[in-house]
PDB file of all heavy atoms in Angstrom:
ATOM      1  N   ARG A   1      97.715 139.756 -23.898  1.00  0.00           N
ATOM      2  CA  ARG A   1      97.649 138.871 -25.070  1.00  0.00           C
ATOM      3  C   ARG A   1      96.504 139.267 -25.986  1.00  0.00           C
ATOM      4  O   ARG A   1      96.642 139.237 -27.218  1.00  0.00           O
ATOM      5  CB  ARG A   1      97.488 137.416 -24.622  1.00  0.00           C
ATOM      6  CG  ARG A   1      98.741 136.848 -23.997  1.00  0.00           C
ATOM      7  CD  ARG A   1      98.631 135.362 -23.767  1.00  0.00           C
ATOM      8  NE  ARG A   1      99.766 134.860 -22.995  1.00  0.00           N
ATOM      9  CZ  ARG A   1      99.905 133.608 -22.615  1.00  0.00           C
ATOM     10  NH1 ARG A   1      98.981 132.717 -22.930  1.00  0.00           N
ATOM     11  NH2 ARG A   1     100.953 133.223 -21.918  1.00  0.00           N
ATOM     12  N   LEU A   2      95.370 139.638 -25.405  1.00  0.00           N
ATOM     13  CA  LEU A   2      94.258 140.100 -26.235  1.00  0.00           C
ATOM     14  C   LEU A   2      94.669 141.340 -27.018  1.00  0.00           C
ATOM     15  O   LEU A   2      94.385 141.458 -28.220  1.00  0.00           O
ATOM     16  CB  LEU A   2      93.040 140.405 -25.359  1.00  0.00           C
ATOM     17  CG  LEU A   2      91.814 140.928 -26.108  1.00  0.00           C
ATOM     18  CD1 LEU A   2      91.305 139.906 -27.114  1.00  0.00           C
ATOM     19  CD2 LEU A   2      90.710 141.330 -25.132  1.00  0.00           C
ATOM     20  N   VAL A   3      95.355 142.256 -26.364  1.00  0.00           N
ATOM     21  CA  VAL A   3      95.825 143.468 -27.046  1.00  0.00           C
ATOM     22  C   VAL A   3      96.773 143.094 -28.184  1.00  0.00           C
ATOM     23  O   VAL A   3      96.717 143.671 -29.279  1.00  0.00           O
ATOM     24  CB  VAL A   3      96.510 144.427 -26.055  1.00  0.00           C
ATOM     25  CG1 VAL A   3      97.130 145.617 -26.793  1.00  0.00           C
ATOM     26  CG2 VAL A   3      95.518 144.928 -25.005  1.00  0.00           C
ATOM     27  N   MET A   4      97.641 142.110 -27.958  1.00  0.00           N
ATOM     28  CA  MET A   4      98.544 141.673 -29.021  1.00  0.00           C
ATOM     29  C   MET A   4      97.766 141.248 -30.259  1.00  0.00           C
ATOM     30  O   MET A   4      98.094 141.651 -31.390  1.00  0.00           O
ATOM     31  CB  MET A   4      99.412 140.508 -28.531  1.00  0.00           C
ATOM     32  CG  MET A   4     100.502 140.891 -27.560  1.00  0.00           C
ATOM     33  SD  MET A   4     101.334 139.447 -26.832  1.00  0.00           S
ATOM     34  CE  MET A   4     101.997 138.645 -28.301  1.00  0.00           C
ATOM     35  N   PHE A   5      96.730 140.432 -30.066  1.00  0.00           N
ATOM     36  CA  PHE A   5      95.964 139.945 -31.214  1.00  0.00           C
ATOM     37  C   PHE A   5      95.211 141.073 -31.914  1.00  0.00           C
ATOM     38  O   PHE A   5      95.137 141.106 -33.143  1.00  0.00           O
ATOM     39  CB  PHE A   5      94.986 138.857 -30.773  1.00  0.00           C
ATOM     40  CG  PHE A   5      95.651 137.550 -30.431  1.00  0.00           C
ATOM     41  CD1 PHE A   5      95.505 136.981 -29.180  1.00  0.00           C
ATOM     42  CD2 PHE A   5      96.454 136.894 -31.356  1.00  0.00           C
ATOM     43  CE1 PHE A   5      96.124 135.783 -28.848  1.00  0.00           C
ATOM     44  CE2 PHE A   5      97.085 135.698 -31.039  1.00  0.00           C
ATOM     45  CZ  PHE A   5      96.921 135.149 -29.789  1.00  0.00           C
ATOM     46  N   LEU A   6      94.661 142.002 -31.154  1.00  0.00           N
ATOM     47  CA  LEU A   6      93.840 143.049 -31.744  1.00  0.00           C
ATOM     48  C   LEU A   6      94.665 144.193 -32.330  1.00  0.00           C
ATOM     49  O   LEU A   6      94.118 145.056 -33.024  1.00  0.00           O
ATOM     50  CB  LEU A   6      92.850 143.593 -30.715  1.00  0.00           C
ATOM     51  CG  LEU A   6      91.865 142.569 -30.121  1.00  0.00           C
ATOM     52  CD1 LEU A   6      90.775 143.268 -29.330  1.00  0.00           C
ATOM     53  CD2 LEU A   6      91.241 141.686 -31.192  1.00  0.00           C
ATOM     54  N   THR A   7      95.983 144.216 -32.058  1.00  0.00           N
ATOM     55  CA  THR A   7      96.860 145.242 -32.633  1.00  0.00           C
ATOM     56  C   THR A   7      97.939 144.649 -33.529  1.00  0.00           C
ATOM     57  O   THR A   7      98.845 145.364 -33.969  1.00  0.00           O
ATOM     58  CB  THR A   7      97.534 146.071 -31.517  1.00  0.00           C
ATOM     59  OG1 THR A   7      98.306 145.193 -30.681  1.00  0.00           O
ATOM     60  CG2 THR A   7      96.499 146.809 -30.672  1.00  0.00           C
ATOM     61  N   ASN A   8      97.875 143.321 -33.762  1.00  0.00           N
ATOM     62  CA  ASN A   8      98.799 142.644 -34.677  1.00  0.00           C
ATOM     63  C   ASN A   8     100.251 142.753 -34.216  1.00  0.00           C
ATOM     64  O   ASN A   8     101.157 143.019 -35.007  1.00  0.00           O
ATOM     65  CB  ASN A   8      98.658 143.195 -36.104  1.00  0.00           C
ATOM     66  CG  ASN A   8      99.283 142.268 -37.143  1.00  0.00           C
ATOM     67  OD1 ASN A   8      99.472 141.076 -36.914  1.00  0.00           O
ATOM     68  ND2 ASN A   8      99.634 142.822 -38.293  1.00  0.00           N
ATOM     69  N   GLN A   9     100.477 142.523 -32.926  1.00  0.00           N
ATOM     70  CA  GLN A   9     101.827 142.543 -32.365  1.00  0.00           C
ATOM     71  C   GLN A   9     102.242 141.127 -31.988  1.00  0.00           C
ATOM     72  O   GLN A   9     101.419 140.330 -31.528  1.00  0.00           O
ATOM     73  CB  GLN A   9     101.892 143.446 -31.135  1.00  0.00           C
ATOM     74  CG  GLN A   9     101.453 144.872 -31.392  1.00  0.00           C
ATOM     75  CD  GLN A   9     102.296 145.574 -32.439  1.00  0.00           C
ATOM     76  OE1 GLN A   9     103.540 145.554 -32.374  1.00  0.00           O
ATOM     77  NE2 GLN A   9     101.646 146.199 -33.402  1.00  0.00           N
ATOM     78  N   THR A  10     103.520 140.816 -32.165  1.00  0.00           N
ATOM     79  CA  THR A  10     103.988 139.447 -31.940  1.00  0.00           C
ATOM     80  C   THR A  10     104.669 139.253 -30.596  1.00  0.00           C
ATOM     81  O   THR A  10     104.971 138.125 -30.217  1.00  0.00           O
ATOM     82  CB  THR A  10     104.979 139.023 -33.038  1.00  0.00           C
ATOM     83  OG1 THR A  10     106.089 139.934 -33.042  1.00  0.00           O
ATOM     84  CG2 THR A  10     104.299 139.035 -34.399  1.00  0.00           C
ATOM     85  N   THR A  11     104.930 140.311 -29.867  1.00  0.00           N
ATOM     86  CA  THR A  11     105.567 140.183 -28.561  1.00  0.00           C
ATOM     87  C   THR A  11     104.867 141.061 -27.548  1.00  0.00           C
ATOM     88  O   THR A  11     104.435 142.185 -27.868  1.00  0.00           O
ATOM     89  CB  THR A  11     107.065 140.542 -28.619  1.00  0.00           C
ATOM     90  OG1 THR A  11     107.588 140.605 -27.275  1.00  0.00           O
ATOM     91  CG2 THR A  11     107.294 141.882 -29.286  1.00  0.00           C
ATOM     92  N   ILE A  12     104.767 140.575 -26.328  1.00  0.00           N
ATOM     93  CA  ILE A  12     104.086 141.312 -25.264  1.00  0.00           C
ATOM     94  C   ILE A  12     104.780 142.632 -24.971  1.00  0.00           C
ATOM     95  O   ILE A  12     104.149 143.605 -24.543  1.00  0.00           O
ATOM     96  CB  ILE A  12     103.991 140.434 -23.992  1.00  0.00           C
ATOM     97  CG1 ILE A  12     102.982 141.021 -22.993  1.00  0.00           C
ATOM     98  CG2 ILE A  12     105.359 140.245 -23.346  1.00  0.00           C
ATOM     99  CD1 ILE A  12     102.672 140.095 -21.836  1.00  0.00           C
ATOM    100  N   ARG A  13     106.084 142.708 -25.250  1.00  0.00           N
ATOM    101  CA  ARG A  13     106.810 143.951 -24.976  1.00  0.00           C
ATOM    102  C   ARG A  13     106.324 145.100 -25.840  1.00  0.00           C
ATOM    103  O   ARG A  13     106.488 146.272 -25.475  1.00  0.00           O
ATOM    104  CB  ARG A  13     108.316 143.739 -25.183  1.00  0.00           C
ATOM    105  CG  ARG A  13     108.953 142.838 -24.134  1.00  0.00           C
ATOM    106  CD  ARG A  13     110.442 142.743 -24.333  1.00  0.00           C
ATOM    107  NE  ARG A  13     111.080 142.016 -23.234  1.00  0.00           N
ATOM    108  CZ  ARG A  13     112.383 141.926 -23.059  1.00  0.00           C
ATOM    109  NH1 ARG A  13     113.200 142.509 -23.922  1.00  0.00           N
ATOM    110  NH2 ARG A  13     112.868 141.253 -22.043  1.00  0.00           N
ATOM    111  N   ASP A  14     105.729 144.777 -26.986  1.00  0.00           N
ATOM    112  CA  ASP A  14     105.239 145.826 -27.872  1.00  0.00           C
ATOM    113  C   ASP A  14     103.865 146.342 -27.476  1.00  0.00           C
ATOM    114  O   ASP A  14     103.357 147.287 -28.087  1.00  0.00           O
ATOM    115  CB  ASP A  14     105.215 145.336 -29.322  1.00  0.00           C
ATOM    116  CG  ASP A  14     106.607 145.299 -29.930  1.00  0.00           C
ATOM    117  OD1 ASP A  14     107.445 146.118 -29.509  1.00  0.00           O
ATOM    118  OD2 ASP A  14     106.854 144.454 -30.803  1.00  0.00           O
ATOM    119  N   VAL A  15     103.241 145.728 -26.450  1.00  0.00           N
ATOM    120  CA  VAL A  15     101.956 146.255 -25.967  1.00  0.00           C
ATOM    121  C   VAL A  15     102.057 146.695 -24.507  1.00  0.00           C
ATOM    122  O   VAL A  15     101.051 147.032 -23.890  1.00  0.00           O
ATOM    123  CB  VAL A  15     100.815 145.233 -26.149  1.00  0.00           C
ATOM    124  CG1 VAL A  15     100.626 144.902 -27.622  1.00  0.00           C
ATOM    125  CG2 VAL A  15     101.050 143.970 -25.339  1.00  0.00           C
ATOM    126  N   LEU A  16     103.279 146.697 -23.952  1.00  0.00           N
ATOM    127  CA  LEU A  16     103.534 147.238 -22.622  1.00  0.00           C
ATOM    128  C   LEU A  16     104.416 148.470 -22.789  1.00  0.00           C
ATOM    129  O   LEU A  16     105.476 148.395 -23.419  1.00  0.00           O
ATOM    130  CB  LEU A  16     104.249 146.219 -21.738  1.00  0.00           C
ATOM    131  CG  LEU A  16     103.507 144.916 -21.431  1.00  0.00           C
ATOM    132  CD1 LEU A  16     104.414 143.972 -20.650  1.00  0.00           C
ATOM    133  CD2 LEU A  16     102.235 145.188 -20.657  1.00  0.00           C
ATOM    134  N   LEU A  17     103.991 149.589 -22.246  1.00  0.00           N
ATOM    135  CA  LEU A  17     104.791 150.795 -22.407  1.00  0.00           C
ATOM    136  C   LEU A  17     106.186 150.631 -21.805  1.00  0.00           C
ATOM    137  O   LEU A  17     107.176 151.077 -22.386  1.00  0.00           O
ATOM    138  CB  LEU A  17     104.073 151.983 -21.754  1.00  0.00           C
ATOM    139  CG  LEU A  17     102.972 152.616 -22.594  1.00  0.00           C
ATOM    140  CD1 LEU A  17     102.133 153.569 -21.758  1.00  0.00           C
ATOM    141  CD2 LEU A  17     103.551 153.341 -23.807  1.00  0.00           C
ATOM    142  N   PHE A  18     106.255 149.986 -20.650  1.00  0.00           N
ATOM    143  CA  PHE A  18     107.543 149.809 -19.983  1.00  0.00           C
ATOM    144  C   PHE A  18     107.702 148.355 -19.551  1.00  0.00           C
ATOM    145  O   PHE A  18     107.508 148.017 -18.378  1.00  0.00           O
ATOM    146  CB  PHE A  18     107.653 150.749 -18.779  1.00  0.00           C
ATOM    147  CG  PHE A  18     107.539 152.205 -19.149  1.00  0.00           C
ATOM    148  CD1 PHE A  18     106.358 152.895 -18.934  1.00  0.00           C
ATOM    149  CD2 PHE A  18     108.599 152.859 -19.734  1.00  0.00           C
ATOM    150  CE1 PHE A  18     106.242 154.223 -19.294  1.00  0.00           C
ATOM    151  CE2 PHE A  18     108.503 154.196 -20.101  1.00  0.00           C
ATOM    152  CZ  PHE A  18     107.315 154.892 -19.884  1.00  0.00           C
ATOM    153  N   PRO A  19     108.073 147.479 -20.490  1.00  0.00           N
ATOM    154  CA  PRO A  19     108.260 146.063 -20.138  1.00  0.00           C
ATOM    155  C   PRO A  19     109.450 145.882 -19.213  1.00  0.00           C
ATOM    156  O   PRO A  19     110.360 146.725 -19.152  1.00  0.00           O
ATOM    157  CB  PRO A  19     108.513 145.401 -21.500  1.00  0.00           C
ATOM    158  CG  PRO A  19     109.063 146.495 -22.358  1.00  0.00           C
ATOM    159  CD  PRO A  19     108.383 147.748 -21.909  1.00  0.00           C
ATOM    160  N   THR A  20     109.445 144.765 -18.490  1.00  0.00           N
ATOM    161  CA  THR A  20     110.548 144.463 -17.580  1.00  0.00           C
ATOM    162  C   THR A  20     111.825 144.211 -18.378  1.00  0.00           C
ATOM    163  O   THR A  20     111.827 143.431 -19.327  1.00  0.00           O
ATOM    164  CB  THR A  20     110.212 143.230 -16.730  1.00  0.00           C
ATOM    165  OG1 THR A  20     108.985 143.473 -16.032  1.00  0.00           O
ATOM    166  CG2 THR A  20     111.317 142.932 -15.734  1.00  0.00           C
ATOM    167  N   MET A  21     112.905 144.858 -17.980  1.00  0.00           N
ATOM    168  CA  MET A  21     114.185 144.722 -18.670  1.00  0.00           C
ATOM    169  C   MET A  21     115.286 144.441 -17.651  1.00  0.00           C
ATOM    170  O   MET A  21     115.234 144.903 -16.515  1.00  0.00           O
ATOM    171  CB  MET A  21     114.528 146.012 -19.434  1.00  0.00           C
ATOM    172  CG  MET A  21     113.492 146.440 -20.462  1.00  0.00           C
ATOM    173  SD  MET A  21     113.395 145.340 -21.866  1.00  0.00           S
ATOM    174  CE  MET A  21     114.966 145.652 -22.666  1.00  0.00           C
ATOM    175  N   LYS A  22     116.263 143.685 -18.069  1.00  0.00           N
ATOM    176  CA  LYS A  22     117.421 143.449 -17.221  1.00  0.00           C
ATOM    177  C   LYS A  22     118.202 144.757 -17.071  1.00  0.00           C
ATOM    178  O   LYS A  22     118.517 145.415 -18.070  1.00  0.00           O
ATOM    179  CB  LYS A  22     118.322 142.377 -17.840  1.00  0.00           C
ATOM    180  CG  LYS A  22     119.533 142.023 -16.997  1.00  0.00           C
ATOM    181  CD  LYS A  22     120.352 140.915 -17.657  1.00  0.00           C
ATOM    182  CE  LYS A  22     121.577 140.553 -16.823  1.00  0.00           C
ATOM    183  NZ  LYS A  22     122.375 139.484 -17.464  1.00  0.00           N
ATOM    184  N   PRO A  23     118.524 145.168 -15.837  1.00  0.00           N
ATOM    185  CA  PRO A  23     119.244 146.436 -15.651  1.00  0.00           C
ATOM    186  C   PRO A  23     120.603 146.410 -16.333  1.00  0.00           C
ATOM    187  O   PRO A  23     121.267 145.381 -16.396  1.00  0.00           O
ATOM    188  CB  PRO A  23     119.404 146.537 -14.128  1.00  0.00           C
ATOM    189  CG  PRO A  23     118.378 145.622 -13.556  1.00  0.00           C
ATOM    190  CD  PRO A  23     118.217 144.511 -14.555  1.00  0.00           C
ATOM    191  N   ILE A  24     120.978 147.566 -16.842  1.00  0.00           N
ATOM    192  CA  ILE A  24     122.317 147.703 -17.396  1.00  0.00           C
ATOM    193  C   ILE A  24     123.212 148.348 -16.340  1.00  0.00           C
ATOM    194  O   ILE A  24     122.735 148.979 -15.396  1.00  0.00           O
ATOM    195  CB  ILE A  24     122.326 148.537 -18.688  1.00  0.00           C
ATOM    196  CG1 ILE A  24     121.645 149.890 -18.457  1.00  0.00           C
ATOM    197  CG2 ILE A  24     121.622 147.789 -19.801  1.00  0.00           C
ATOM    198  CD1 ILE A  24     121.629 150.770 -19.677  1.00  0.00           C
ATOM    199  N   GLY A  25     124.517 148.202 -16.494  1.00  0.00           N
ATOM    200  CA  GLY A  25     125.438 148.735 -15.500  1.00  0.00           C
ATOM    201  C   GLY A  25     125.381 150.247 -15.428  1.00  0.00           C
ATOM    202  O   GLY A  25     125.035 150.933 -16.393  1.00  0.00           O
ATOM    203  N   LYS A  26     125.726 150.797 -14.283  1.00  0.00           N
ATOM    204  CA  LYS A  26     125.648 152.246 -14.068  1.00  0.00           C
ATOM    205  C   LYS A  26     126.484 153.004 -15.090  1.00  0.00           C
ATOM    206  O   LYS A  26     126.055 153.999 -15.641  1.00  0.00           O
ATOM    207  CB  LYS A  26     126.109 152.585 -12.649  1.00  0.00           C
ATOM    208  CG  LYS A  26     126.003 154.065 -12.310  1.00  0.00           C
ATOM    209  CD  LYS A  26     126.356 154.323 -10.858  1.00  0.00           C
ATOM    210  CE  LYS A  26     126.347 155.807 -10.540  1.00  0.00           C
ATOM    211  NZ  LYS A  26     125.055 156.440 -10.787  1.00  0.00           N
ATOM    212  N   LYS A  27     127.675 152.472 -15.384  1.00  0.00           N
ATOM    213  CA  LYS A  27     128.546 153.151 -16.344  1.00  0.00           C
ATOM    214  C   LYS A  27     127.884 153.189 -17.710  1.00  0.00           C
ATOM    215  O   LYS A  27     127.900 154.208 -18.397  1.00  0.00           O
ATOM    216  CB  LYS A  27     129.903 152.442 -16.427  1.00  0.00           C
ATOM    217  CG  LYS A  27     130.876 153.114 -17.374  1.00  0.00           C
ATOM    218  CD  LYS A  27     132.229 152.402 -17.361  1.00  0.00           C
ATOM    219  CE  LYS A  27     133.201 153.098 -18.328  1.00  0.00           C
ATOM    220  NZ  LYS A  27     134.513 152.435 -18.345  1.00  0.00           N
TER     221      LYS A  27
END
C-alpha cells in the first residue's frame, strides 16, 4: 500500500510483479 501511494497506483496488482490470478483452463 505504501508503494501504491508513492508510485501513484490505484490497485495493488500494479505494484506486484506477479499478483494472484484465478487459473485459466489448460486449453
